[in-house]
Protein backbone atom coordinates (compact mmCIF):
# COMPACT_ATOMS: atom_id res chain seq x y z
CA MET A 1 26.38 10.81 69.57
CA ARG A 2 28.07 13.59 67.38
CA ASP A 3 26.47 13.56 63.85
CA TYR A 4 28.53 11.77 60.97
CA ARG A 5 27.76 14.65 58.64
CA LEU A 6 30.14 17.37 60.22
CA THR A 7 33.12 14.97 59.90
CA GLU A 8 31.95 13.03 56.46
CA ALA A 9 34.47 13.27 53.60
CA LYS A 10 32.95 13.79 50.16
CA VAL A 11 33.58 14.68 46.56
CA ASP A 12 31.54 17.75 47.13
CA ASN A 13 33.11 19.14 50.37
CA ASP A 14 36.40 18.76 49.52
CA ARG A 15 37.36 17.17 52.78
CA PRO A 16 40.13 14.59 52.35
CA PRO A 17 39.82 11.36 54.29
CA ARG A 18 42.25 10.87 57.48
CA TYR A 19 41.16 7.46 58.47
CA TYR A 20 39.50 4.18 56.73
CA CYS A 21 36.62 3.14 59.51
CA ALA A 22 33.47 0.84 59.48
CA ARG A 23 30.61 0.67 61.94
CA TYR A 24 27.52 -1.08 62.52
CA THR A 25 24.79 -1.55 64.75
CA THR A 26 22.22 -4.38 65.85
CA ASN A 27 19.33 -1.99 66.99
CA GLY A 28 19.82 1.50 65.70
CA TYR A 29 20.86 2.87 69.01
CA HIS A 30 24.01 1.30 69.72
CA TYR A 31 27.13 0.94 67.50
CA VAL A 32 30.24 -0.31 67.32
CA GLN A 33 33.13 1.52 64.95
CA LYS A 34 36.75 0.95 64.73
CA CYS A 35 39.21 2.30 62.23
CA ASN A 36 42.38 1.53 60.41
CA PRO A 37 45.56 3.08 61.75
CA ASP A 38 47.16 4.35 58.40
CA PRO A 39 43.94 5.66 56.08
CA HIS A 40 45.90 4.90 53.26
CA ARG A 41 46.19 0.82 53.71
CA ASN A 42 44.21 -1.66 54.79
CA SER A 43 45.24 -3.54 58.07
CA GLY A 44 42.11 -5.85 58.28
CA VAL A 45 40.78 -3.91 61.36
CA THR A 46 37.40 -3.37 59.32
CA ARG A 47 36.99 -6.94 58.23
CA GLN A 48 37.72 -8.71 61.43
CA MET A 49 34.95 -6.42 62.82
CA MET A 50 32.51 -7.38 60.57
CA LEU A 51 33.47 -11.23 61.53
CA ASP A 52 33.02 -10.05 65.13
CA LEU A 53 29.48 -9.05 63.98
CA LEU A 54 28.21 -12.20 62.32
CA ASP A 55 29.73 -14.57 65.71
CA PHE A 56 27.46 -12.16 67.53
CA LEU A 57 24.32 -12.94 65.65
CA LYS A 58 24.91 -16.49 65.54
CA LYS A 59 25.30 -16.40 69.41
CA GLY A 60 22.12 -14.43 69.61
CA HIS A 61 20.42 -16.83 67.35
CA TRP A 62 19.45 -14.05 64.75
CA ILE A 63 19.09 -16.74 62.36
CA ASP A 64 16.91 -19.76 63.59
CA LYS A 65 13.88 -21.76 62.80
CA GLN A 66 11.68 -18.89 62.44
CA THR A 67 13.67 -17.13 59.92
CA ARG A 68 12.27 -16.83 56.28
CA LEU A 69 14.39 -14.19 54.52
CA VAL A 70 17.86 -12.70 55.08
CA SER A 71 18.36 -9.43 53.08
CA ILE A 72 21.72 -7.76 52.18
CA THR A 73 21.39 -4.33 50.87
CA LEU A 74 24.10 -2.12 49.22
CA GLN A 75 23.36 1.47 48.21
CA VAL A 76 25.62 2.98 45.46
CA ARG A 77 25.93 6.48 43.73
CA SER A 78 27.76 7.40 40.83
CA ASN A 79 28.64 10.82 41.01
CA ASN A 80 30.08 10.75 37.09
CA GLY A 81 27.10 9.65 35.64
CA GLY A 82 24.68 11.01 37.94
CA MET A 83 22.84 7.66 39.00
CA ARG A 84 21.73 5.91 42.07
CA SER A 85 21.65 2.08 42.34
CA VAL A 86 20.54 -0.48 44.97
CA THR A 87 21.12 -3.74 45.35
CA ARG A 88 19.61 -6.24 47.84
CA PHE A 89 20.80 -9.79 47.95
CA MET A 90 17.85 -12.09 49.35
CA PHE A 91 18.16 -15.61 50.84
CA GLU A 92 14.80 -17.10 51.31
CA LEU A 93 14.60 -20.06 53.95
CA THR A 94 11.95 -22.80 52.97
CA GLN A 95 9.63 -24.68 55.29
CA MET A 96 11.97 -27.67 54.37
CA ALA A 97 14.84 -25.65 55.44
CA ALA A 98 16.15 -25.02 51.98
CA VAL A 99 17.87 -21.39 50.65
CA LEU A 100 16.84 -19.79 47.67
CA PRO A 101 18.73 -17.27 47.24
CA SER A 102 17.88 -14.24 44.78
CA PHE A 103 18.77 -10.47 44.11
CA ASP A 104 17.20 -7.36 42.97
CA MET A 105 18.59 -4.33 41.37
CA GLU A 106 17.18 -0.57 41.03
CA ALA A 107 18.32 2.26 39.59
CA MET A 108 17.26 5.85 38.82
CA VAL A 109 18.58 8.97 37.48
CA ASP A 110 19.74 11.55 40.25
CA ASP A 111 21.16 14.42 38.32
CA PRO A 112 19.88 17.86 38.45
CA GLU A 113 20.59 18.97 34.63
CA SER A 114 18.60 15.66 33.89
CA SER A 115 15.79 16.39 36.13
CA SER A 116 15.17 19.62 34.79
CA LYS A 117 15.07 18.34 31.21
CA MET A 118 12.39 15.59 32.29
CA ARG A 119 10.13 18.20 33.97
CA VAL A 120 9.85 20.25 30.68
CA TYR A 121 9.44 16.78 28.76
CA MET A 122 6.79 15.84 30.96
CA LEU A 123 4.83 19.12 30.45
CA MET A 124 5.16 19.05 26.82
CA ALA A 125 3.53 15.71 27.13
CA LEU A 126 0.81 16.73 29.23
CA GLY A 127 -0.26 19.42 26.56
CA LEU A 128 -0.14 17.03 24.01
CA THR A 129 -2.49 14.65 26.33
CA ALA A 130 -5.00 17.38 26.97
CA TYR A 131 -5.25 18.00 22.86
CA PHE A 132 -5.96 14.19 22.28
CA ILE A 133 -8.51 14.16 25.12
CA MET A 134 -10.51 16.71 23.51
CA LEU A 135 -10.51 15.18 20.21
CA GLU A 136 -11.54 12.04 22.03
CA VAL A 137 -14.44 14.39 23.78
CA VAL A 138 -15.30 15.74 20.49
CA GLU A 139 -15.74 11.94 18.82
CA PHE A 140 -17.69 10.90 21.45
CA ALA A 141 -20.08 13.65 21.60
CA GLN A 142 -20.42 12.80 17.67
CA SER A 143 -20.98 9.14 17.85
CA GLY A 144 -22.58 8.65 21.13
CA LEU A 145 -21.72 6.29 24.03
CA SER A 146 -22.79 2.86 22.82
CA GLU A 147 -20.99 3.38 19.37
CA TYR A 148 -18.09 5.06 20.91
CA ILE A 149 -17.38 2.34 23.45
CA SER A 150 -18.04 -0.43 21.33
CA ASN A 151 -15.13 0.48 19.54
CA VAL A 152 -11.79 -1.22 21.39
CA TRP A 153 -9.48 1.85 20.28
CA ASN A 154 -11.51 4.05 21.95
CA VAL A 155 -11.21 2.32 25.56
CA LEU A 156 -7.01 1.69 24.64
CA ASP A 157 -6.97 5.67 24.38
CA TRP A 158 -8.52 6.32 27.49
CA ALA A 159 -6.56 3.72 29.27
CA ASN A 160 -3.48 5.49 27.85
CA PHE A 161 -4.46 8.73 29.30
CA LEU A 162 -5.19 6.71 32.58
CA LEU A 163 -1.74 5.60 32.99
CA PHE A 164 -0.02 8.72 31.75
CA PHE A 165 -1.64 10.79 34.40
CA GLN A 166 -0.48 7.86 36.78
CA VAL A 167 2.89 8.06 35.25
CA PHE A 168 3.14 12.26 35.92
CA ALA A 169 1.70 12.06 39.36
CA ASN A 170 4.59 9.55 40.15
CA LEU A 171 7.33 11.43 38.54
CA ILE A 172 6.09 14.71 40.39
CA GLU A 173 6.52 12.73 43.69
CA VAL A 174 9.88 11.14 42.59
CA ASP A 175 11.16 14.58 41.98
CA ILE A 176 9.66 16.26 45.35
CA LEU A 177 11.40 13.06 47.31
CA ALA A 178 14.77 14.01 45.38
CA ASN A 179 14.50 17.74 46.46
CA ARG A 180 13.58 16.00 50.07
CA ASP A 181 16.63 14.02 50.30
CA ARG A 182 19.10 16.66 49.24
CA GLU A 183 18.03 19.16 51.76
CA ARG A 184 18.39 16.43 54.34
CA LEU A 185 21.73 15.77 53.85
CA ILE A 186 22.64 19.11 54.26
CA TRP A 187 23.81 19.97 57.72
CA PRO A 188 21.83 23.30 58.98
CA THR A 189 24.36 25.68 59.46
CA ASP A 190 22.77 27.68 62.46
CA GLY A 191 23.62 24.75 64.68
CA THR A 192 20.25 23.28 65.14
CA PRO A 193 20.14 19.63 64.90
CA GLY A 194 19.30 18.13 61.46
CA ASP A 195 16.56 15.39 60.62
CA CYS A 196 17.36 13.00 57.88
CA GLY A 197 14.08 11.03 58.31
CA SER A 198 14.74 8.56 60.75
CA VAL A 199 16.71 7.20 63.89
CA ILE A 200 19.16 5.06 62.09
CA CYS A 201 19.82 7.72 59.73
CA ASN A 202 20.30 10.38 62.41
CA GLN A 203 22.69 8.28 64.68
CA PHE A 204 24.13 5.56 62.89
CA GLY A 205 24.02 7.68 59.62
CA PHE A 206 22.51 4.99 57.38
CA PHE A 207 20.24 6.76 54.59
CA ASP A 208 18.00 4.78 53.23
CA ILE A 209 16.70 5.62 49.86
CA TRP A 210 13.87 3.10 49.53
CA GLU A 211 10.82 5.58 49.39
CA ILE A 212 12.25 7.47 46.04
CA MET A 213 13.36 4.20 44.47
CA HIS A 214 9.87 2.48 45.19
CA THR A 215 8.18 5.59 43.98
CA ALA A 216 10.82 5.41 40.71
CA ARG A 217 10.00 1.74 40.06
CA THR A 218 6.23 2.28 40.39
CA ALA A 219 6.54 5.26 37.63
CA LYS A 220 8.88 2.85 35.63
CA LEU A 221 6.31 0.37 35.46
CA PHE A 222 3.00 2.68 34.33
CA MET A 223 5.66 4.31 32.00
CA SER A 224 6.57 0.99 30.13
CA VAL A 225 2.80 -0.14 29.78
CA CYS A 226 1.75 3.60 28.80
CA VAL A 227 4.42 3.40 26.03
CA CYS A 228 3.56 -0.07 25.20
CA ILE A 229 -0.02 0.77 24.54
CA GLN A 230 1.04 4.32 22.87
CA LEU A 231 2.93 2.04 20.27
CA LEU A 232 0.14 -0.52 19.76
CA LYS A 233 -2.00 2.11 18.63
CA ILE A 234 0.06 2.75 15.25
CA ILE A 235 -1.87 -0.40 14.40
CA LYS A 236 -5.03 1.57 14.51
CA PHE A 237 -3.53 4.18 11.89
CA THR A 238 -1.93 1.36 9.37
CA ASN A 239 -5.28 -0.39 9.29
CA VAL A 240 -6.75 2.87 8.00
CA ILE A 241 -3.50 3.76 5.59
CA ILE A 242 -3.19 0.28 4.17
CA PRO A 243 -6.26 -2.07 4.96
CA LYS A 244 -4.21 -4.92 3.71
CA MET A 245 -2.52 -4.96 7.44
CA SER A 246 -5.87 -5.14 9.29
CA LEU A 247 -6.18 -8.74 9.08
CA MET A 248 -4.83 -9.35 12.82
CA THR A 249 -7.18 -6.93 14.34
CA SER A 250 -10.20 -7.98 12.15
CA VAL A 251 -9.55 -11.66 12.89
CA LEU A 252 -9.93 -11.09 16.61
CA SER A 253 -12.59 -8.41 16.70
CA LYS A 254 -14.53 -11.45 14.61
CA GLY A 255 -13.37 -14.16 17.15
CA CYS A 256 -13.21 -12.15 20.20
CA TYR A 257 -16.37 -13.99 22.14
CA ASP A 258 -15.25 -17.27 21.48
CA LEU A 259 -11.57 -16.44 22.66
CA LEU A 260 -13.21 -14.53 25.65
CA PHE A 261 -14.77 -18.00 26.98
CA PHE A 262 -12.37 -19.96 25.58
CA GLY A 263 -9.83 -17.77 27.96
CA ILE A 264 -11.96 -18.50 31.06
CA ILE A 265 -11.80 -22.25 30.44
CA PHE A 266 -7.92 -22.02 29.61
CA ALA A 267 -7.38 -20.29 32.72
CA ILE A 268 -9.43 -22.48 34.85
CA SER A 269 -7.36 -25.45 33.62
CA MET A 270 -4.02 -23.76 34.04
CA PHE A 271 -4.82 -22.75 37.40
CA ALA A 272 -5.97 -26.28 38.41
CA PHE A 273 -2.79 -27.67 37.25
CA CYS A 274 -0.86 -24.91 39.02
CA MET A 275 -2.11 -25.89 42.21
CA LEU A 276 -1.36 -29.72 41.61
CA PHE A 277 2.14 -29.17 41.09
CA TYR A 278 2.70 -26.40 43.74
CA ILE A 279 1.33 -28.94 46.22
CA GLN A 280 3.38 -31.86 45.03
CA LEU A 281 6.57 -30.06 43.97
CA GLY A 282 6.63 -26.53 45.54
CA SER A 283 8.30 -27.73 48.82
CA PHE A 284 11.86 -28.64 47.26
CA MET A 285 11.56 -27.17 43.67
CA ASP A 286 12.35 -23.65 42.85
CA ASP A 287 10.10 -23.52 39.99
CA PHE A 288 6.92 -24.22 41.92
CA TYR A 289 7.78 -23.02 45.05
CA SER A 290 4.50 -20.49 45.00
CA GLN A 291 1.39 -20.19 43.06
CA PRO A 292 2.53 -17.29 40.98
CA ALA A 293 5.78 -19.34 40.54
CA SER A 294 4.09 -22.40 39.57
CA MET A 295 1.82 -20.61 37.00
CA ILE A 296 4.86 -19.33 35.27
CA ALA A 297 6.76 -22.80 35.10
CA LEU A 298 3.88 -24.12 33.51
CA ALA A 299 3.05 -21.18 31.15
CA LYS A 300 6.79 -21.83 30.18
CA ALA A 301 6.02 -25.18 29.69
CA LEU A 302 3.54 -24.22 27.06
CA PHE A 303 6.40 -22.84 24.94
CA GLY A 304 8.60 -26.00 24.85
CA ASP A 305 10.51 -25.49 28.39
CA PHE A 306 9.87 -28.68 30.09
CA PRO A 307 11.23 -29.07 33.62
CA PHE A 308 10.90 -32.88 33.28
CA GLU A 309 14.38 -34.12 34.41
CA GLU A 310 14.01 -31.66 37.40
CA ILE A 311 10.64 -32.99 38.20
CA MET A 312 12.26 -37.00 38.08
CA ASP A 313 14.87 -36.01 39.96
CA ASN A 314 12.97 -34.64 42.73
CA SER A 315 10.18 -37.35 43.05
CA ARG A 316 9.97 -40.27 44.77
CA GLY A 317 8.11 -42.47 41.47
CA TYR A 318 6.74 -41.74 38.07
CA VAL A 319 3.64 -40.03 39.38
CA ASN A 320 4.84 -36.47 39.11
CA GLY A 321 6.32 -37.37 35.50
CA ILE A 322 3.05 -38.82 34.58
CA LEU A 323 0.91 -35.99 35.61
CA PHE A 324 3.05 -33.33 33.91
CA LEU A 325 2.86 -35.48 30.72
CA ILE A 326 -0.77 -35.34 31.28
CA TYR A 327 -0.63 -31.89 31.57
CA LEU A 328 1.49 -30.93 28.47
CA PHE A 329 -1.41 -33.44 26.69
CA VAL A 330 -4.27 -31.29 27.82
CA ALA A 331 -2.24 -27.78 27.45
CA VAL A 332 -0.61 -28.42 24.08
CA PHE A 333 -2.72 -30.92 22.31
CA ILE A 334 -6.03 -30.21 23.08
CA LEU A 335 -6.17 -26.28 24.39
CA LEU A 336 -3.41 -24.35 22.41
CA SER A 337 -5.22 -26.81 19.42
CA MET A 338 -8.68 -25.07 20.13
CA PHE A 339 -7.05 -21.76 20.33
CA LEU A 340 -5.87 -22.09 16.69
CA ALA A 341 -8.80 -23.43 15.46
CA ILE A 342 -10.69 -20.20 16.60
CA LEU A 343 -8.27 -18.09 14.75
CA GLY A 344 -9.04 -20.10 12.00
CA GLU A 345 -12.41 -20.02 11.63
CA ALA A 346 -12.33 -16.32 12.38
CA GLN A 347 -9.83 -15.65 9.45
CA ALA A 348 -11.79 -17.89 7.29
CA ALA A 349 -15.01 -15.60 8.12
CA VAL A 350 -12.83 -12.41 7.61
CA ARG A 351 -11.84 -13.59 4.29
CA GLU A 352 -15.33 -14.56 2.77
CA ALA A 353 -16.38 -11.03 4.16
CA GLU A 354 -13.76 -9.93 2.06
CA MET A 355 -14.41 -11.46 -1.17
CA MET A 356 -18.02 -10.54 -0.82
CA GLN A 357 -17.34 -7.21 -0.74
CA ARG A 358 -15.34 -7.63 -3.68
CA GLU A 359 -17.61 -9.50 -5.28
CA GLU A 360 -20.18 -6.43 -4.64
CA GLY A 361 -17.78 -3.66 -6.09
CA LYS A 362 -17.63 -2.19 -2.37
CA ALA A 363 -14.05 -3.41 -1.48
CA GLU A 364 -11.54 -0.89 -0.82
CA GLN A 365 -8.17 -0.55 -2.38
CA PRO A 366 -6.29 -3.59 -0.20
CA TYR A 367 -3.02 -1.71 -0.31
CA GLY A 368 -4.47 1.96 0.49
CA VAL A 369 -2.08 4.41 -0.11
CA LEU A 370 0.88 2.33 -1.29
CA GLY A 371 -1.77 1.24 -4.19
CA ASP A 372 -2.63 4.86 -4.51
CA ALA A 373 1.03 5.53 -5.24
CA LYS A 374 1.41 2.43 -7.22
CA ASP A 375 -1.47 3.70 -9.64
CA TRP A 376 -0.17 7.21 -9.61
CA ILE A 377 3.22 6.11 -10.89
CA TRP A 378 2.14 3.87 -13.75
CA SER A 379 -0.56 6.76 -14.77
CA SER A 380 2.49 8.86 -14.66
CA VAL A 381 4.64 6.43 -17.01
CA LYS A 382 1.84 5.92 -19.19
CA LYS A 383 1.29 10.02 -19.78
CA ILE A 384 4.76 10.20 -20.11
CA ARG A 385 4.95 7.17 -22.88
CA GLU A 386 2.10 8.84 -24.68
CA ARG A 387 3.83 12.06 -24.69
CA ARG A 388 6.65 10.33 -26.26
CA ARG A 389 4.73 8.61 -28.93
CA LYS A 390 3.12 11.83 -29.51
CA ARG A 391 6.22 13.49 -30.24
CA LYS A 392 7.15 10.69 -32.48
CA GLU A 393 4.42 11.07 -34.73
CA GLY A 394 4.62 14.38 -34.90
CA ALA A 395 8.24 14.28 -36.04
CA GLU A 396 7.22 11.38 -38.69
CA GLU A 397 3.89 13.70 -39.44
CA GLU A 398 6.45 16.52 -40.10
CA GLY A 399 8.51 14.27 -42.64
CA ASP A 400 5.35 12.97 -44.36
CA GLY A 401 4.16 16.88 -44.69
CA GLU A 402 7.85 17.99 -46.27
CA GLU A 403 7.19 15.28 -48.75
CA GLU A 404 3.62 16.16 -49.48
CA GLU A 405 4.93 20.05 -49.85
CA ASP A 406 6.92 18.56 -52.75
CA GLU A 407 4.26 16.65 -54.11
CA ASP A 408 1.90 19.37 -53.95
CA GLU A 409 4.47 21.84 -55.91
CA ASP A 410 3.42 19.67 -58.91
CA GLU A 411 -0.36 19.76 -58.27
CA PRO A 412 -0.69 23.55 -60.23
CA LEU A 413 0.80 22.02 -63.34
CA ASP A 414 -1.40 18.82 -62.83
CA MET A 415 -3.90 20.92 -62.96
CA ALA A 416 -3.59 23.29 -65.56
CA LEU A 417 -2.82 20.29 -67.84
CA GLN A 418 -6.07 18.57 -66.97
CA THR A 419 -8.25 22.23 -67.45
CA ALA A 420 -7.06 22.19 -70.95
CA LEU A 421 -7.50 18.74 -71.16
CA LEU A 422 -11.23 19.49 -70.46
CA LYS A 423 -11.22 22.33 -72.50
CA MET A 424 -10.35 20.30 -75.43
CA GLN A 425 -12.78 17.16 -75.03
CA ALA A 426 -15.69 19.95 -74.57
CA LYS A 427 -14.39 21.57 -78.18
CA LEU A 428 -14.59 17.89 -79.58
CA ASP A 429 -17.80 17.19 -78.03
CA SER A 430 -19.54 20.27 -79.27
CA SER A 431 -18.15 19.87 -82.96
CA LEU A 432 -19.22 16.05 -82.95
CA LYS A 433 -22.35 17.00 -81.99
CA GLN A 434 -22.85 19.64 -84.89
CA ARG A 435 -21.53 16.84 -87.18
CA MET A 436 -24.01 14.20 -85.63
CA SER A 437 -27.06 16.72 -86.34
CA GLY A 438 -25.89 17.60 -89.91
CA LEU A 439 -25.89 13.84 -90.58
CA GLU A 440 -29.07 13.35 -89.19
CA VAL A 441 -30.48 16.14 -91.37
CA ARG A 442 -29.10 14.47 -94.39
CA LEU A 443 -29.99 10.87 -93.14
CA LEU A 444 -33.64 12.09 -93.10
CA LYS A 445 -33.66 13.65 -96.45
CA GLU A 446 -32.63 10.85 -98.05
CA LEU A 447 -34.89 8.32 -96.46
CA SER A 448 -37.78 10.89 -97.35
CA ARG A 449 -36.75 10.63 -101.03
CA MET A 450 -36.38 6.63 -101.08
CA GLU A 451 -39.56 6.18 -99.99
CA THR A 452 -41.10 8.75 -102.34
CA LYS A 453 -39.47 6.70 -105.20
CA LEU A 454 -40.45 3.50 -103.63
CA ALA A 455 -44.00 4.17 -103.47
CA GLU A 456 -43.40 4.61 -107.72
CA SER A 457 -43.20 1.70 -109.97
CA PRO A 458 -40.15 2.79 -111.34
CA SER A 459 -38.58 0.75 -114.40
CA PRO A 460 -35.17 -1.39 -114.29
CA ALA A 461 -33.67 1.08 -115.88
CA VAL A 462 -34.63 3.81 -113.10
CA CYS A 463 -34.18 1.07 -110.45
CA ALA A 464 -30.52 1.00 -111.62
CA ALA A 465 -30.29 4.72 -111.97
CA SER A 466 -31.78 5.25 -108.08
CA SER A 467 -29.64 2.31 -106.83
CA SER A 468 -26.55 3.77 -107.80
CA ALA A 469 -27.44 7.15 -106.43
CA LYS A 470 -28.57 6.02 -103.22
CA ARG A 471 -25.43 3.88 -102.81
CA ALA A 472 -23.48 6.91 -104.04
CA SER A 473 -25.04 8.68 -101.25
CA VAL A 474 -24.49 6.15 -98.55
CA GLU A 475 -21.03 6.11 -99.44
CA LYS A 476 -20.43 9.65 -99.56
CA SER A 477 -21.91 9.99 -95.69
CA ARG A 478 -19.89 6.70 -94.71
CA ARG A 479 -16.62 8.51 -95.85
CA ALA A 480 -17.65 11.80 -94.07
CA THR A 481 -18.07 10.30 -90.47
CA HIS A 482 -15.33 7.52 -90.63
CA ALA A 483 -12.54 9.01 -92.40
CA GLY A 484 -9.59 7.65 -92.43
CA ASP A 485 -11.33 4.03 -92.29
CA GLY A 486 -10.28 2.92 -95.69
CA ASP A 487 -12.16 1.92 -99.10
CA ARG A 488 -14.92 -0.60 -98.24
CA SER A 489 -16.25 -2.96 -100.93
CA ARG A 490 -19.35 -1.29 -102.54
CA LYS A 491 -22.50 -3.71 -103.24
CA CYS A 492 -25.09 -3.47 -105.71
CA GLY A 493 -28.70 -3.42 -104.85
CA PRO A 494 -30.78 -1.57 -102.46
CA SER A 495 -30.85 -2.28 -98.83
CA SER A 496 -32.92 -4.60 -97.04
CA ALA A 497 -34.06 -2.51 -94.12
CA SER A 498 -37.37 -1.12 -94.04
CA PRO A 499 -37.80 2.47 -93.66
CA VAL A 500 -39.00 2.39 -90.10
CA GLN A 501 -36.08 0.59 -89.39
CA LEU A 502 -33.80 3.18 -90.62
CA ARG A 503 -35.53 5.64 -88.84
CA LYS A 504 -34.85 3.78 -85.22
CA ALA A 505 -31.32 3.73 -86.28
CA SER A 506 -31.27 7.30 -87.17
CA ALA A 507 -32.87 8.06 -83.89
CA HIS A 508 -30.33 5.52 -81.91
CA ALA A 509 -27.46 7.62 -83.73
CA SER A 510 -28.73 11.43 -82.69
CA LYS A 511 -29.42 9.47 -78.95
CA SER A 512 -25.82 8.11 -78.59
CA SER A 513 -24.63 11.66 -80.09
CA LYS A 514 -26.39 13.13 -76.99
CA GLU A 515 -25.26 10.71 -74.37
CA GLU A 516 -21.44 10.54 -75.32
CA PRO A 517 -20.60 13.89 -74.04
CA GLN A 518 -21.91 13.07 -70.99
CA LYS A 519 -19.89 9.99 -70.53
CA SER A 520 -16.95 12.18 -71.90
CA ARG A 521 -17.37 14.39 -69.18
CA ALA A 522 -17.88 12.09 -66.61
CA SER A 523 -14.63 10.23 -67.87
CA ALA A 524 -12.71 13.64 -67.88
CA SER A 525 -13.62 14.58 -64.15
CA PRO A 526 -11.09 16.01 -62.02
CA VAL A 527 -9.08 13.16 -60.18
CA ALA A 528 -5.61 13.81 -58.52
CA LYS A 529 -2.88 12.80 -60.50
CA ARG A 530 -4.89 11.19 -63.02
CA LYS A 531 -4.91 12.45 -66.80
CA PRO A 532 -8.00 11.81 -68.87
CA SER A 533 -7.86 10.18 -72.26
CA VAL A 534 -9.24 11.84 -75.08
CA THR A 535 -8.84 8.92 -77.79
CA ASN A 536 -12.43 8.09 -77.36
CA THR A 537 -14.09 5.77 -79.82
CA ILE A 538 -17.55 7.78 -81.05
CA ASP A 539 -20.72 5.17 -82.01
CA LEU A 540 -22.55 7.11 -84.50
CA GLY A 541 -25.42 4.59 -84.23
CA VAL A 542 -25.69 3.67 -87.98
CA SER A 543 -26.39 -0.14 -89.07
CA PRO A 544 -23.72 -1.36 -91.43
CA PRO A 545 -25.44 -1.85 -95.02
CA ALA A 546 -27.02 -4.99 -95.48
CA SER A 547 -25.57 -7.74 -97.31
CA PRO A 548 -26.34 -8.42 -101.39
CA ARG A 549 -28.14 -11.41 -100.83
CA ASN A 550 -30.85 -9.36 -98.50
CA ASN A 551 -31.13 -6.25 -100.98
CA LEU A 552 -34.77 -5.48 -102.43
CA SER A 553 -35.18 -5.97 -106.13
CA CYS A 554 -37.03 -3.65 -108.45
């Protein structure tokens, strides 16, 4: 048989299609091919050939009681988009002769430019992964084995690294297979027969790309898990940046052991009901035709997807419905309630620990960076307000200073006036002191004279003369000290005071004369904006004359 690639019409070889043909084979070695007479219109020749193929398969009992699966594979390539896709239609035949149809689709990028970009990104990711591995090794050396493994995030890091290397190896294999397939589709120019990897490809022309599709699907599976773990690791950094967001991880770490043992009990219960419904309903229900399908159907029932009506339609009585209700009661009302109770207890323990740390003063900022930013903003706002307030107060103080300057301009005049008053007061005090001292001398002389005269026994005439003389001297001293006080009545008779009392009076007058300047100086002390008074009443300390009835008789 001649190789089909010699006459194949494609976009890249610029061969025009001269006919419209189809072929089929049942064993890979013998094939049937028919073509339309006119390549530009469909005359039904190829369609009839396909119907003949189906009749041939029926006659040969290709589908019989032992057949379990019929698969139809359709391979398509988009040259404009650089994509390859494979669609498989599958018809599964059960033991009860039921047909369960399903389909599967796969797609991959088949573009040289996209492939070259992917290789560059792979090398960049490999370098970053090597750097992160080095950091993990340093952390392991610093913390030790037990402490390092006890941290779940470190375990996730190494799981992420292993998945990345698996993805890297699969993508390298995909690139190798893509280059191999391109080479197989090229006919050798030296005339040697080409090999495209299989007999059905070399003789019939069907090139199955199942191998590269399988490798690409595996790579996408590991890549999806790797990316999921990588994005979940963001929680590790958010817990450090904002401790308020660490509630989920704290609750899970607090109740991890309870959740672990509860998960074992939950899995056993689920598997028990899975086998129950697989045996009861697997022969005639799609949801329970296998153990994995039954497990998925029961898991969906936990979230509200109950195939109760379908179960009743495919059951002879109410037994299967009652069994399904028992499962719902056990799974939803008991198992899920216990699961939520474990999480609630763990959360309460976490909250209690946070409260104890807050009481001890060891609690961190709950909002982390956001809280620090908030405090910084508030402190900046307070500083700005304080500056504005100080500026306002400074402006007010400048206004007050101008008023004080106006007042200070009057202060020199006040000080000069006050100084002049003080000098005047000093002169008055000194003159008053001189007068008081002269008066004391006179009084003492007069007293000594009176004592001398009293010691003698004078006659009434002499007594009268001495009384008049004494009265005249007293009146003369009163006029000298109290000038301007007016005339006072004169009385006859000597004073009733004794000489000792007169001496005390003179002493009191001298003492008052000494204290009076001091009081006047104290009152004249410099006080801002206060003018001292110079009209002080001076007490001479002289007792007034006695009444006439107390005068001594001669």
